[in-house]
Protein backbone atom coordinates (compact mmCIF):
# COMPACT_ATOMS: atom_id res chain seq x y z
CA MET A 1 -0.18 0.12 0.07
CA THR A 2 2.54 2.39 0.85
CA SER A 3 4.50 1.48 -2.59
CA THR A 4 1.43 2.24 -4.31
CA ARG A 5 0.71 5.60 -2.39
CA TRP A 6 4.02 6.68 -2.90
CA PHE A 7 4.09 6.06 -7.47
CA ALA A 8 0.59 7.11 -6.94
CA GLY A 9 0.38 10.01 -4.98
CA SER A 10 3.57 10.92 -3.72
CA SER A 11 5.26 14.34 -5.25
CA ARG A 12 7.89 11.76 -6.05
CA CYS A 13 5.98 10.33 -8.94
CA SER A 14 8.15 12.33 -11.16
CA PRO A 15 9.84 8.70 -12.34
CA ALA A 16 6.71 8.21 -14.64
CA ARG A 17 7.49 10.85 -16.96
CA PRO A 18 10.85 9.29 -18.57
CA VAL A 19 8.11 7.21 -19.90
CA GLU A 20 6.13 10.04 -22.19
CA ALA A 21 9.30 11.57 -23.07
CA THR A 22 10.78 8.17 -24.36
CA ILE A 23 7.60 7.54 -26.08
CA ASP A 24 7.60 11.42 -27.56
CA MET A 25 11.17 10.62 -28.51
CA LYS A 26 10.47 7.70 -30.04
CA VAL A 27 7.52 9.40 -32.19
CA LYS A 28 9.57 11.99 -32.94
CA SER A 29 12.61 9.86 -34.19
CA GLY A 30 9.70 7.73 -36.13
CA LYS A 31 8.94 11.02 -37.79
CA THR A 32 12.58 11.77 -38.26
CA GLN A 33 12.79 8.15 -40.02
CA ALA A 34 10.07 8.88 -42.28
CA GLY A 35 11.26 12.32 -43.09
CA ALA A 36 14.72 10.45 -43.56
CA ALA A 37 12.82 7.84 -45.87
CA ARG A 38 10.96 10.85 -47.77
CA TYR A 39 13.84 12.81 -48.62
CA SER A 40 15.90 9.91 -49.74
CA ALA A 41 13.35 8.97 -52.04
CA GLN A 42 12.61 12.00 -53.21
CA LEU A 43 16.61 12.46 -53.66
CA ILE A 44 16.61 8.88 -55.54
CA ALA A 45 13.76 9.94 -57.88
CA ALA A 46 15.09 13.52 -58.50
CA ILE A 47 18.62 11.60 -59.57
CA LEU A 48 16.43 9.09 -61.69
CA LEU A 49 14.43 11.62 -63.32
CA VAL A 50 17.29 13.92 -64.15
CA ALA A 51 19.50 10.73 -65.70
CA VAL A 52 16.66 9.68 -67.96
CA VAL A 53 15.73 13.31 -69.28
CA ALA A 54 19.49 14.35 -69.48
CA ILE A 55 20.61 10.93 -71.69
CA GLY A 56 16.81 11.65 -73.78
CA SER A 57 17.64 15.22 -74.10
CA LEU A 58 21.33 14.22 -75.22
CA TRP A 59 19.96 11.40 -77.49
CA THR A 60 17.09 13.44 -79.50
CA TRP A 61 19.69 16.78 -79.77
CA GLN A 62 22.70 14.13 -81.24
CA VAL A 63 19.63 12.42 -83.51
CA TRP A 64 18.12 15.98 -84.35
CA GLN A 65 21.29 17.24 -85.29
CA GLU A 66 22.16 14.73 -87.90
CA LYS A 67 18.52 14.79 -89.55
CA HIS A 68 18.94 18.94 -89.72
CA SER A 69 22.08 18.73 -91.46
CA ALA A 70 21.08 16.62 -93.64
CA ALA A 71 17.76 18.68 -94.64
CA LEU A 72 19.97 21.66 -94.67
CA GLU A 73 22.18 19.65 -97.34
CA ARG A 74 19.56 18.41 -99.45
CA SER A 75 17.83 22.03 -99.61
CA ARG A 76 21.74 23.43 -100.40
CA GLN A 77 21.76 20.64 -103.43
CA GLY A 78 17.60 21.71 -104.49
CA ALA A 79 18.43 25.41 -104.18
CA ALA A 80 21.66 24.96 -106.68
CA LEU A 81 19.33 22.63 -109.15
CA VAL A 82 16.94 25.42 -109.31
CA SER A 83 19.89 27.62 -110.03
CA GLU A 84 21.13 25.67 -112.47
CA TYR A 85 17.38 24.85 -114.07
CA ALA A 86 16.20 28.52 -114.03
CA SER A 87 20.04 29.91 -115.79
CA ARG A 88 19.25 27.39 -118.44
CA VAL A 89 16.09 27.75 -119.66
CA LEU A 90 16.44 32.18 -119.07
CA GLN A 91 19.77 32.01 -120.99
CA SER A 92 18.63 30.70 -123.59
CA LYS A 93 16.08 33.56 -123.87
CA ILE A 94 18.70 36.02 -123.38
CA MET A 95 20.42 34.41 -126.23
CA LEU A 96 17.14 35.28 -128.51
CA LEU A 97 17.43 39.07 -127.01
CA ASN A 98 20.61 39.13 -127.99
CA GLN A 99 19.26 38.06 -131.68
CA ILE A 100 16.94 40.38 -131.80
CA ASP A 101 19.12 43.06 -130.70
CA ARG A 102 21.13 42.22 -134.20
CA VAL A 103 18.31 42.13 -135.92
CA MET A 104 17.07 45.65 -135.05
CA GLN A 105 20.30 47.27 -135.51
CA ASP A 106 21.19 45.36 -138.95
CA ASN A 107 17.56 46.32 -139.94
CA PRO A 108 16.78 49.88 -139.05
CA GLY A 109 13.19 50.85 -140.00
CA ILE A 110 12.63 47.33 -140.49
CA GLU A 111 8.76 46.62 -141.82
CA PRO A 112 6.57 44.56 -139.13
CA ARG A 113 5.51 41.82 -141.14
CA ARG A 114 8.74 40.74 -141.75
CA LEU A 115 10.16 41.49 -138.23
CA HIS A 116 7.21 39.34 -137.48
CA GLN A 117 8.66 36.29 -140.09
CA MET A 118 11.97 36.70 -138.11
CA LEU A 119 11.34 36.51 -134.75
CA GLN A 120 9.17 33.31 -135.42
CA ALA A 121 11.98 31.59 -137.05
CA MET A 122 13.22 32.64 -133.92
CA ASP A 123 10.78 31.14 -131.95
CA ALA A 124 10.62 28.15 -133.36
CA GLY A 125 14.26 27.36 -133.04
CA PHE A 126 14.48 26.98 -129.12
CA GLN A 127 12.75 25.32 -126.70
CA TYR A 128 10.54 26.56 -123.83
CA THR A 129 9.66 29.39 -125.86
CA THR A 130 6.22 30.82 -126.02
CA SER A 131 6.23 34.48 -127.74
CA LEU A 132 8.69 36.89 -128.45
CA GLY A 133 8.30 40.62 -129.52
CA VAL A 134 10.24 43.93 -130.03
CA ILE A 135 8.00 47.09 -128.48
CA ASP A 136 8.68 50.73 -129.57
CA GLU A 137 9.90 53.50 -127.50
CA ASN A 138 5.81 54.35 -126.82
CA GLY A 139 4.52 50.88 -125.53
CA ASP A 140 3.04 50.14 -129.05
CA ALA A 141 3.89 46.37 -130.06
CA VAL A 142 6.05 46.37 -133.29
CA ALA A 143 5.72 42.64 -134.20
CA GLY A 144 5.21 39.10 -132.33
CA SER A 145 6.57 35.81 -132.98
CA ARG A 146 3.09 34.30 -132.36
CA THR A 147 0.51 37.02 -133.76
CA TYR A 148 0.47 39.64 -137.01
CA PRO A 149 -0.23 41.74 -136.95
CA LEU A 150 -0.29 42.60 -132.82
CA LYS A 151 -1.88 45.40 -132.11
CA ALA A 152 -1.82 46.15 -128.37
CA ASN A 153 -0.07 48.42 -125.94
CA PHE A 154 2.49 47.78 -123.12
CA ALA A 155 3.49 51.22 -121.50
CA ASP A 156 1.06 50.32 -118.11
CA ARG A 157 3.78 47.02 -117.53
CA ASP A 158 5.95 47.46 -114.77
CA TYR A 159 8.80 46.26 -116.82
CA PHE A 160 8.46 49.02 -119.53
CA ILE A 161 8.03 51.42 -116.88
CA ALA A 162 11.19 50.39 -115.53
CA LEU A 163 13.19 50.11 -118.74
CA SER A 164 12.05 53.23 -120.42
CA GLY A 165 12.65 55.39 -116.88
CA GLY A 166 16.28 54.57 -117.68
CA SER A 167 17.13 53.27 -114.12
CA GLN A 168 17.79 49.23 -115.49
CA LYS A 169 18.10 47.63 -118.47
CA LEU A 170 17.19 43.67 -117.90
CA VAL A 171 13.53 43.22 -115.90
CA ILE A 172 12.31 39.40 -115.15
CA ASP A 173 8.45 39.11 -114.65
CA ARG A 174 5.82 36.93 -114.37
CA LEU A 175 2.98 38.25 -116.25
CA LEU A 176 -0.42 37.02 -118.62
CA LEU A 177 0.38 37.85 -122.23
CA ARG A 178 -1.55 40.11 -124.20
CA PRO A 179 -4.12 39.30 -126.01
CA LEU A 180 -3.26 35.09 -125.89
CA GLN A 181 -3.75 35.37 -121.97
CA ARG A 182 -0.96 33.10 -121.32
CA ASP A 183 1.03 32.76 -117.83
CA THR A 184 4.60 33.06 -118.73
CA MET A 185 7.83 34.60 -116.96
CA THR A 186 9.27 37.27 -119.49
CA ILE A 187 12.62 38.52 -119.82
CA ALA A 188 12.23 42.08 -121.21
CA ARG A 189 15.63 44.09 -122.22
CA ARG A 190 16.65 47.61 -123.68
CA LEU A 191 17.22 47.91 -127.22
CA PRO A 192 20.41 48.98 -127.81
CA GLY A 193 21.53 52.92 -128.12
CA ASP A 194 22.53 55.66 -125.72
CA GLU A 195 18.66 56.95 -125.82
CA PHE A 196 15.53 54.54 -125.00
CA ARG A 197 14.27 53.22 -128.47
CA GLY A 198 12.27 49.76 -127.62
CA ILE A 199 11.78 46.65 -125.48
CA ALA A 200 12.54 43.25 -126.95
CA THR A 201 10.80 40.74 -124.95
CA ALA A 202 11.28 36.95 -124.81
CA SER A 203 8.90 34.65 -122.48
CA THR A 204 8.32 30.84 -121.50
CA GLU A 205 4.97 29.19 -120.35
CA ILE A 206 5.15 29.37 -116.22
CA SER A 207 4.51 25.88 -116.23
CA LYS A 208 8.57 24.79 -117.26
CA PHE A 209 9.12 26.52 -114.00
CA THR A 210 6.12 25.15 -111.98
CA ASP A 211 6.57 21.24 -113.23
CA PHE A 212 10.35 21.66 -112.28
CA LEU A 213 9.75 22.87 -109.13
CA SER A 214 6.99 20.87 -108.14
CA LYS A 215 9.77 17.74 -108.22
CA MET A 216 11.83 19.29 -105.94
CA GLY A 217 10.08 18.04 -102.89
CA PHE A 218 12.50 16.16 -101.50
CA ASP A 219 10.50 15.59 -98.31
CA GLU A 220 7.20 15.96 -96.84
CA GLY A 221 6.91 19.95 -96.72
CA SER A 222 9.48 20.80 -98.91
CA ALA A 223 9.27 23.96 -101.19
CA ALA A 224 11.38 25.19 -104.32
CA VAL A 225 10.56 28.71 -105.73
CA LEU A 226 12.13 31.70 -107.79
CA VAL A 227 12.69 35.01 -106.42
CA ARG A 228 13.19 38.11 -107.63
CA THR A 229 16.12 39.99 -106.11
CA ASP A 230 13.24 43.08 -104.91
CA GLY A 231 11.37 39.81 -103.26
CA LYS A 232 8.48 39.48 -105.58
CA ILE A 233 7.95 35.37 -105.55
CA LEU A 234 7.88 34.39 -109.73
CA ALA A 235 7.32 30.67 -109.40
CA ARG A 236 6.14 28.28 -107.10
CA PRO A 237 5.43 24.18 -107.36
CA ASP A 238 1.70 24.95 -108.43
CA PRO A 239 1.04 27.46 -111.14
CA GLY A 240 -2.32 28.29 -109.84
CA GLU A 241 -0.86 30.41 -106.89
CA PRO A 242 -0.39 33.99 -107.64
CA PRO A 243 2.66 35.46 -107.58
CA THR A 244 3.56 37.01 -103.94
CA THR A 245 6.14 39.65 -102.41
CA MET A 246 8.14 38.27 -99.37
CA LEU A 247 8.44 40.67 -96.63
CA PRO A 248 10.88 43.61 -97.28
CA ASP A 249 11.53 43.60 -93.97
CA GLY A 250 11.23 39.76 -93.08
CA ALA A 251 14.29 37.42 -92.55
CA GLY A 252 14.80 36.37 -96.25
CA MET A 253 15.20 39.22 -97.67
CA ARG A 254 17.54 40.50 -95.11
CA ALA A 255 19.71 37.27 -95.56
CA MET A 256 19.61 37.79 -99.37
CA ALA A 257 20.80 41.49 -99.35
CA GLN A 258 23.87 40.83 -97.31
CA SER A 259 24.93 37.24 -99.53
CA ALA A 260 24.60 35.38 -102.51
CA ALA A 261 24.08 32.42 -100.79
CA GLY A 262 22.78 31.50 -97.35
CA TYR A 263 19.90 29.78 -95.11
CA PHE A 264 17.32 31.25 -93.54
CA ASP A 265 13.43 30.41 -91.27
CA ALA A 266 10.68 31.75 -92.14
CA PRO A 267 6.93 30.80 -92.43
CA GLY A 268 5.79 30.25 -95.73
CA ARG A 269 3.84 33.22 -97.10
CA MET A 270 1.16 31.03 -98.40
CA ASP A 271 0.87 27.89 -95.89
CA GLY A 272 2.29 29.47 -93.07
CA ILE A 273 4.71 26.28 -92.57
CA VAL A 274 7.79 27.27 -90.62
CA ARG A 275 11.22 26.12 -92.87
CA THR A 276 14.53 26.79 -93.16
CA TYR A 277 15.23 28.17 -96.83
CA ALA A 278 18.61 27.59 -98.39
CA PHE A 279 19.09 30.08 -101.15
CA VAL A 280 21.61 30.84 -103.80
CA ARG A 281 21.70 33.91 -106.43
CA VAL A 282 21.44 32.34 -110.29
CA PRO A 283 24.21 33.40 -112.17
CA ASP A 284 24.18 37.07 -114.25
CA LEU A 285 20.21 36.96 -113.20
CA PRO A 286 18.32 39.19 -110.90
CA LEU A 287 17.46 36.23 -109.72
CA PHE A 288 17.41 33.80 -106.08
CA ALA A 289 16.60 30.01 -106.17
CA VAL A 290 15.48 28.94 -102.71
CA HIS A 291 14.58 25.67 -101.56
CA GLY A 292 13.64 24.73 -97.92
CA PHE A 293 12.22 22.21 -95.44
CA SER A 294 9.59 22.00 -93.14
CA ARG A 295 11.51 22.52 -89.54
CA GLN A 296 8.37 20.36 -88.00
CA VAL A 297 8.89 17.36 -90.28
CA VAL A 298 12.58 16.99 -89.06
CA TRP A 299 11.42 17.31 -85.18
CA PHE A 300 8.72 14.42 -86.54
CA ASP A 301 11.63 12.25 -88.47
CA THR A 302 13.40 12.96 -85.16
CA LEU A 303 10.71 11.31 -83.00
CA ARG A 304 10.35 8.25 -85.29
CA ALA A 305 14.20 7.90 -84.59
CA MET A 306 13.48 8.28 -81.45
CA VAL A 307 10.79 5.24 -80.67
CA GLY A 308 13.33 2.55 -80.09
CA ASN A 309 15.47 4.50 -77.53
CA VAL A 310 12.06 6.22 -75.92
CA LEU A 311 10.80 2.92 -75.07
CA ILE A 312 13.72 1.71 -73.13
CA LEU A 313 13.60 5.17 -71.62
CA ILE A 314 10.41 3.98 -70.34
CA VAL A 315 10.84 0.66 -69.19
CA CYS A 316 14.16 2.30 -67.00
CA ALA A 317 11.73 5.03 -65.95
CA ILE A 318 9.21 2.24 -65.24
CA LEU A 319 11.51 -0.20 -63.36
CA ALA A 320 12.29 2.87 -60.98
CA HIS A 321 8.84 3.47 -60.71
CA PHE A 322 8.02 0.03 -58.93
CA ALA A 323 11.02 0.46 -56.76
CA LEU A 324 10.08 3.70 -55.34
CA THR A 325 6.26 3.33 -54.92
CA GLY A 326 6.75 1.47 -51.76
CA MET A 327 8.64 4.29 -50.12
CA LEU A 328 6.62 7.07 -51.88
CA ARG A 329 3.38 5.44 -50.61
CA ARG A 330 3.74 7.39 -47.11
CA ILE A 331 4.23 10.47 -48.51
CA ASP A 332 1.17 10.62 -50.86
CA LEU A 333 -0.66 10.88 -47.66
CA ASP A 334 0.56 14.07 -46.65
CA ARG A 335 0.77 14.85 -50.36
CA ILE A 336 -3.51 14.40 -50.28
CA ARG A 337 -3.56 16.44 -46.91
CA VAL A 338 -1.27 19.58 -48.76
CA ALA A 339 -3.49 19.08 -51.61
CA ALA A 340 -6.72 19.61 -49.70
CA GLU A 341 -5.58 22.31 -48.06
CA HIS A 342 -4.40 24.12 -50.84
CA ASP A 343 -8.07 23.36 -52.18
CA ARG A 344 -9.22 25.15 -49.49
CA ARG A 345 -7.54 27.94 -50.16
CA LEU A 346 -8.05 28.33 -53.91
CA LEU A 347 -12.10 28.00 -52.71
CA ASP A 348 -11.72 30.41 -50.19
CA GLU A 349 -9.58 32.87 -52.99
CA ALA A 350 -12.20 31.80 -55.85
CA ARG A 351 -14.92 33.12 -53.57
CA ARG A 352 -13.29 36.26 -52.68
CA THR A 353 -12.74 36.55 -56.31
CA SER A 354 -16.22 35.84 -57.27
CA ALA A 355 -17.25 38.19 -54.26
CA ILE A 356 -15.14 40.99 -56.55
CA ARG A 357 -16.38 40.46 -59.96
CA GLU A 358 -19.89 40.49 -58.65
CA ALA A 359 -19.28 43.72 -56.85
CA MET A 360 -17.31 44.87 -60.15
CA LEU A 361 -20.13 43.90 -62.63
CA LYS A 362 -22.89 45.46 -60.28
CA GLU A 363 -20.70 48.66 -60.68
CA VAL A 364 -20.51 48.71 -64.23
CA ASN A 365 -23.96 47.78 -64.45
CA HIS A 366 -24.57 51.53 -62.34
CA ARG A 367 -22.05 53.32 -64.94
CA ILE A 368 -24.13 51.82 -67.66
CA HIS A 369 -27.72 52.34 -66.12
CA ASN A 370 -26.37 56.23 -65.11
CA ASN A 371 -24.71 57.02 -68.71
CA LEU A 372 -28.21 55.33 -70.63
CA GLN A 373 -29.72 58.31 -68.39
CA THR A 374 -27.50 60.47 -69.19
CA ILE A 375 -28.08 60.11 -72.87
CA GLN A 376 -31.78 60.14 -72.74
CA SER A 377 -31.89 63.15 -70.72
CA LEU A 378 -29.63 65.25 -73.58
CA ILE A 379 -31.99 63.97 -76.25
CA ARG A 380 -34.90 65.27 -74.58
CA ILE A 381 -33.20 68.65 -73.91
CA GLN A 382 -32.00 68.54 -77.44
CA SER A 383 -35.75 67.83 -78.73
CA ARG A 384 -36.80 70.55 -76.69
CA LYS A 385 -35.11 73.17 -78.92
CA PRO A 386 -36.40 74.70 -81.88
CA ILE A 387 -33.65 73.58 -84.18
CA GLU A 388 -33.66 71.29 -87.77
CA PRO A 389 -34.02 67.72 -86.93
CA ALA A 390 -30.27 67.19 -88.60
CA VAL A 391 -28.44 69.52 -86.15
CA MET A 392 -30.15 68.16 -83.49
CA LEU A 393 -29.02 64.66 -84.46
CA LYS A 394 -25.93 66.32 -85.07
CA GLU A 395 -25.70 67.44 -81.41
CA ILE A 396 -26.72 64.65 -79.91
CA GLY A 397 -24.18 62.63 -81.69
CA LYS A 398 -21.53 64.55 -80.46
CA ARG A 399 -22.48 64.07 -76.81
CA ILE A 400 -22.79 60.87 -77.08
CA TRP A 401 -19.41 60.42 -78.64
CA ALA A 402 -17.90 62.30 -75.68
CA ILE A 403 -19.87 58.89 -73.52
CA SER A 404 -18.53 56.55 -75.79
CA GLU A 405 -14.75 58.37 -75.76
CA ILE A 406 -14.54 58.31 -72.07
CA HIS A 407 -15.47 54.38 -72.02
CA SER A 408 -13.06 53.74 -75.02
CA LEU A 409 -10.07 55.62 -72.80
CA LEU A 410 -11.43 53.92 -69.56
CA TYR A 411 -11.53 50.13 -71.84
CA ARG A 412 -7.77 50.78 -72.92
CA SER A 413 -6.81 52.22 -69.37
CA ALA A 414 -4.70 49.89 -66.58
CA GLU A 415 -7.51 51.45 -64.02
CA TYR A 416 -10.93 50.93 -64.06
CA SER A 417 -11.94 53.23 -61.20
CA SER A 418 -10.00 56.58 -62.66
CA LEU A 419 -9.36 58.49 -65.65
CA GLU A 420 -6.46 60.67 -67.05
CA LEU A 421 -8.60 63.37 -67.81
CA SER A 422 -5.99 65.09 -70.83
CA SER A 423 -6.14 61.80 -72.97
CA PHE A 424 -9.72 62.94 -73.83
CA ILE A 425 -9.41 66.51 -74.30
CA ARG A 426 -6.93 65.53 -76.64
CA ALA A 427 -8.92 63.01 -78.30
CA LEU A 428 -11.86 66.13 -78.52
CA ALA A 429 -9.44 68.81 -80.10
CA VAL A 430 -8.28 66.60 -83.28
CA ASN A 431 -11.51 65.22 -83.67
CA PRO A 432 -13.24 66.82 -87.12
CA GLY A 433 -17.02 65.97 -85.97
CA VAL A 434 -16.51 68.26 -83.05
CA VAL A 435 -13.79 71.04 -84.68
CA PRO A 436 -14.41 70.60 -88.49
CA PRO A 437 -10.83 71.29 -90.15
CA GLU A 438 -12.84 73.15 -93.14
CA ARG A 439 -13.12 75.86 -90.59
CA GLY A 440 -10.20 77.06 -89.97
CA ILE A 441 -10.14 77.22 -86.24
CA ALA A 442 -7.00 75.99 -84.20
CA VAL A 443 -7.66 74.15 -80.92
CA HIS A 444 -4.53 74.50 -78.72
CA CYS A 445 -3.71 71.99 -75.63
CA ASP A 446 -2.15 72.99 -72.67
CA LEU A 447 -2.89 70.22 -70.30
CA GLU A 448 -1.06 69.15 -66.99
CA THR A 449 -1.67 65.24 -65.68
CA VAL A 450 -4.84 65.16 -64.08
CA THR A 451 -6.59 62.18 -63.10
CA ILE A 452 -10.06 62.35 -62.17
CA ASP A 453 -12.97 59.43 -60.48
CA VAL A 454 -14.52 57.54 -63.02
CA ARG A 455 -17.43 59.18 -61.75
CA GLN A 456 -16.77 62.85 -62.79
CA ALA A 457 -15.62 61.74 -66.23
CA VAL A 458 -18.56 61.94 -68.28
CA PRO A 459 -19.65 65.00 -66.61
CA VAL A 460 -16.33 66.48 -66.85
CA ALA A 461 -16.38 65.44 -70.74
CA LEU A 462 -20.17 67.21 -71.70
CA ILE A 463 -19.27 70.50 -69.88
CA VAL A 464 -15.82 70.71 -72.01
CA LEU A 465 -17.76 69.34 -75.10
CA GLU A 466 -21.02 72.45 -74.48
CA ALA A 467 -17.38 74.91 -74.11
CA VAL A 468 -15.95 74.24 -76.96
CA THR A 469 -19.15 73.92 -78.80
CA ASN A 470 -20.35 77.36 -77.68
CA ALA A 471 -17.23 78.81 -78.81
CA LEU A 472 -17.20 77.50 -82.66
CA LYS A 473 -20.67 78.07 -82.94
CA HIS A 474 -20.68 82.14 -82.16
CA ALA A 475 -16.97 83.09 -81.22
CA PHE A 476 -16.26 82.94 -85.05
CA PRO A 477 -19.35 84.38 -87.00
CA ASP A 478 -19.60 84.72 -90.73
CA GLY A 479 -17.19 82.09 -91.24
CA ARG A 480 -13.96 83.35 -89.62
CA SER A 481 -11.20 81.40 -88.35
CA GLY A 482 -9.67 82.00 -84.96
CA GLU A 483 -8.10 80.16 -82.13
CA ILE A 484 -9.06 78.09 -79.00
CA THR A 485 -7.43 77.50 -76.39
CA ILE A 486 -8.35 74.50 -73.48
CA THR A 487 -6.04 74.42 -70.24
CA LEU A 488 -6.47 71.81 -67.43
CA ARG A 489 -4.37 72.69 -64.63
CA ARG A 490 -4.61 70.78 -61.25
CA ASP A 491 -5.38 72.94 -58.41
CA GLY A 492 -4.55 71.26 -55.07
CA ASP A 493 -6.98 68.73 -54.18
CA ALA A 494 -9.28 70.46 -57.17
CA ALA A 495 -9.04 70.53 -61.00
CA GLU A 496 -9.94 73.42 -63.22
CA ILE A 497 -10.54 73.42 -66.74
CA ILE A 498 -10.38 76.94 -68.81
CA VAL A 499 -11.37 76.95 -72.41
CA ARG A 500 -10.90 80.30 -74.26
CA ASP A 501 -11.29 81.69 -77.72
CA ASN A 502 -10.51 84.99 -79.59
CA GLY A 503 -13.51 85.64 -81.14
CA VAL A 504 -15.62 88.39 -80.66
CA GLY A 505 -16.46 88.22 -77.03
CA LEU A 506 -19.80 87.92 -74.99
CA ALA A 507 -21.10 91.51 -76.21
CA SER A 508 -21.18 90.24 -80.03
CA GLU A 509 -21.62 86.80 -80.28
CA GLY A 510 -23.76 85.59 -77.06
CA VAL A 511 -23.95 82.62 -75.30
CA SER A 512 -26.06 79.58 -75.97
CA ALA A 513 -28.40 79.73 -72.61
CA SER A 514 -29.37 75.72 -73.26
CA GLY A 515 -25.44 75.06 -73.74
CA THR A 516 -24.43 77.02 -70.63
CA LYS A 517 -26.95 76.02 -68.46
CA LEU A 518 -26.26 72.28 -69.22
CA ALA A 519 -22.95 72.86 -68.59
CA ALA A 520 -24.16 74.67 -65.22
CA VAL A 521 -26.07 71.67 -64.32
CA LEU A 522 -23.51 68.85 -64.82
CA ALA A 523 -21.01 70.99 -62.72
CA GLU A 524 -23.73 71.06 -59.89
CA GLN A 525 -23.12 67.05 -60.07
CA ILE A 526 -19.62 66.74 -59.30
CA GLU A 527 -20.02 69.64 -56.65
CA GLY A 528 -18.22 72.30 -59.25
CA SER A 529 -18.66 75.60 -60.74
CA PHE A 530 -19.16 76.80 -64.61
CA THR A 531 -18.64 80.27 -65.19
CA TRP A 532 -18.29 82.50 -68.36
CA ARG A 533 -16.89 86.27 -68.99
CA ASP A 534 -14.91 87.94 -71.93
CA ALA A 535 -11.56 87.20 -71.68
CA PRO A 536 -9.13 89.43 -70.11
CA GLN A 537 -7.28 91.78 -72.70
CA ASP A 538 -4.34 91.09 -71.02
CA ASP A 539 -4.39 86.69 -71.62
CA LEU A 540 -5.91 87.41 -75.65
CA ASN A 541 -4.57 89.50 -78.22
CA GLN A 542 -8.55 90.25 -79.46
CA ALA A 543 -11.34 90.04 -77.67
CA GLY A 544 -12.84 86.23 -76.34
CA VAL A 545 -14.88 84.00 -74.03
CA GLU A 546 -13.57 82.40 -71.23
CA MET A 547 -15.27 79.63 -69.93
CA ARG A 548 -14.03 78.19 -66.70
CA LEU A 549 -14.96 75.10 -64.97
CA HIS A 550 -13.71 74.55 -61.29
CA PHE A 551 -14.28 70.87 -59.51
CA PRO A 552 -13.07 68.95 -56.58
CA LEU A 553 -10.99 65.77 -57.23
CA ALA A 554 -13.04 63.44 -54.99
CA ALA A 555 -16.21 61.98 -56.29
CA PRO A 556 -18.82 63.28 -54.54
CA GLY A 557 -22.11 61.17 -54.32
CA MET A 558 -24.09 62.52 -57.86
CA ALA A 559 -27.66 62.26 -58.86
CA ALA A 560 -28.91 62.46 -62.25
CA MET A 561 -28.91 65.15 -64.36
CA PRO A 562 -32.27 66.86 -63.72
CA GLU A 563 -33.79 67.38 -67.01
CA GLN A 564 -36.06 70.28 -66.12
CA ASP A 565 -33.35 72.75 -64.97
CA ALA A 566 -30.62 71.59 -67.70
CA ALA A 567 -33.78 72.61 -70.47
CA SER A 568 -34.96 75.75 -68.87
C-alpha cells in the first residue's frame, strides 16, 4: 500500500515522466526516419529523373542534329538545281534577245511583217519559248512571233515603266501575255542605244518552271521557289498560286541582301509552314533560287527515329517507379492533406474573387445605367429646341461620342476606377466631328496630367464639349477663322479647365443659354462651378470669351441630371 501510495500520490511520482519522454522521442524519431525516408526517396527519384531526361535530351539532340544537317544539305542541293535549271532556260531567252538586238541594229526601220517572220523563225528554233516581241518607245507592239498583226500597248506594264525610265536594263517578271492571256515568265530588255528606242521581250510558259519546282519536293513539307531580287516570288510548285512578295523586313530579304548564298528561317507566305530555306543567286540574273524544308517535319522524323530509344527510357522509368512506389506511398497521405489544404485555399480565393467580380459587375451596370439616363436626358433636352432634325442629331451625336470616348479610354486604361483627363481633351481637340477642319479654327491644348474619378468623367467630358461647341457656334461668325485654347490645371485637391477663344466676345457673339445651362447643371453634379466671361485683354490679343470649370477631385455622390433645370 505504501509503495502504491508513494507512486500514485506522492510528489515523487515524477519517475513516470521519463516514460512519456521516451514515447515522445520515439514518435519524433519515427517522424525523423519517415522524413529521411521521404527525402531519400525524393532524392533517388530526382536523380533517376534527371538522368533519364539528360540522356533522352542528349540522344534526341544528336539525332535531330543529324536529321537537320541532312535536310540542310538537301535544301542546298535543291537550291543549286533550281538555280542551274532557271539559268539554262532563261539564258536561252537572253540569247534570243541578243539575236533580236542584232536584227534591229542591222535592219533599221524594218517592216513589221518582216520582223514578225524573223521572230517566228527564232521562236521555232528554241525550246520552251512561248513568245518573242518588240515594243517601240511608246509602248506599242511592233511585232510578235506568234501573232500578226499585233495591236496592243504595253506602256502600263511594270517592266516597260522600269526600262523606259532608264534605271534598269533588264527585267524578269511573271505576266499574262496579251492577247493570248497565257501565264508566262518574261524577260524584257532595252534595245541597244544611248536613248530609249524600245524593248525586246522573250517569254516562256510558267509551267516550264512550276513543273520542275514540283519535282523538287525531296521531303514532306519542302518547297522550292524562284524569287526576284526585290522579293517578288515569280514561280512556285503550284502554277495556280499567284505571285506574291516577301516581307521587305523579313529574314529572307535581309539574308539575300547580304549574301549571294545562305540560309534563313521564315514561315511560308501561302501555307504558314515554318521552314529553313537555302538560297543561291542565279548567275548573271536578278533572281534567287530558294529551297526550304519544314522544321516540324524534321522534328517528326527525329521523334520517329527516337521511338526505340524512348521505349528503353520508359522501361527504365517504370522499373524505377516500382522500386520507389513503396517508399513514396507513405508520402502520398501528406500530399493529399497538402492538396486538400491547397484546394481549400483556392476555394476561399475563388469565393473572394467571385465577390469582387460581382461587385465590379454591379458597378459597371450602375455606370451603364447612369450613362443611358444621361443620354436619354440629353436627347429630351435637345428635342425641346426649335432646330432642324439634322442639326439636333448632330449635336446629340457629338455628346454620345464624348460618352463613348470616355468608355474607350477606360477600356484601354490599366485602371477601371479613374481616368487621365488630358487624354480625352486631346481626342476632342482632333475630332473632325467636333472641330471641322474646314472652319479654319485651331485648337491649342495646355494640359497637365490630372486623374479624376470615373464617376466624374462623363459630366466633365460633356461640359468641355459644350464649352468648345459654344465657342465654335458663336465666337467666329461669318466663317472667320480663329483659335480656341483649352487649359487643364490641378489646383490642390481640385481641378480647373479653362476654354478660351479669341472671337468676337460676349457682347457680340452671345452665349448659348441651353448649352451653358446644361454645363452648369452638370457642374453641380460633381460639386463644381461653371462660369463664363469676357476673356481678359492681357491674356488674349483680341476680345473673346473665357469659360471656366472648377471642381473637386474627390468624387462626390452624384445624382441624375435634372432635365427641367438643364432645359430651362
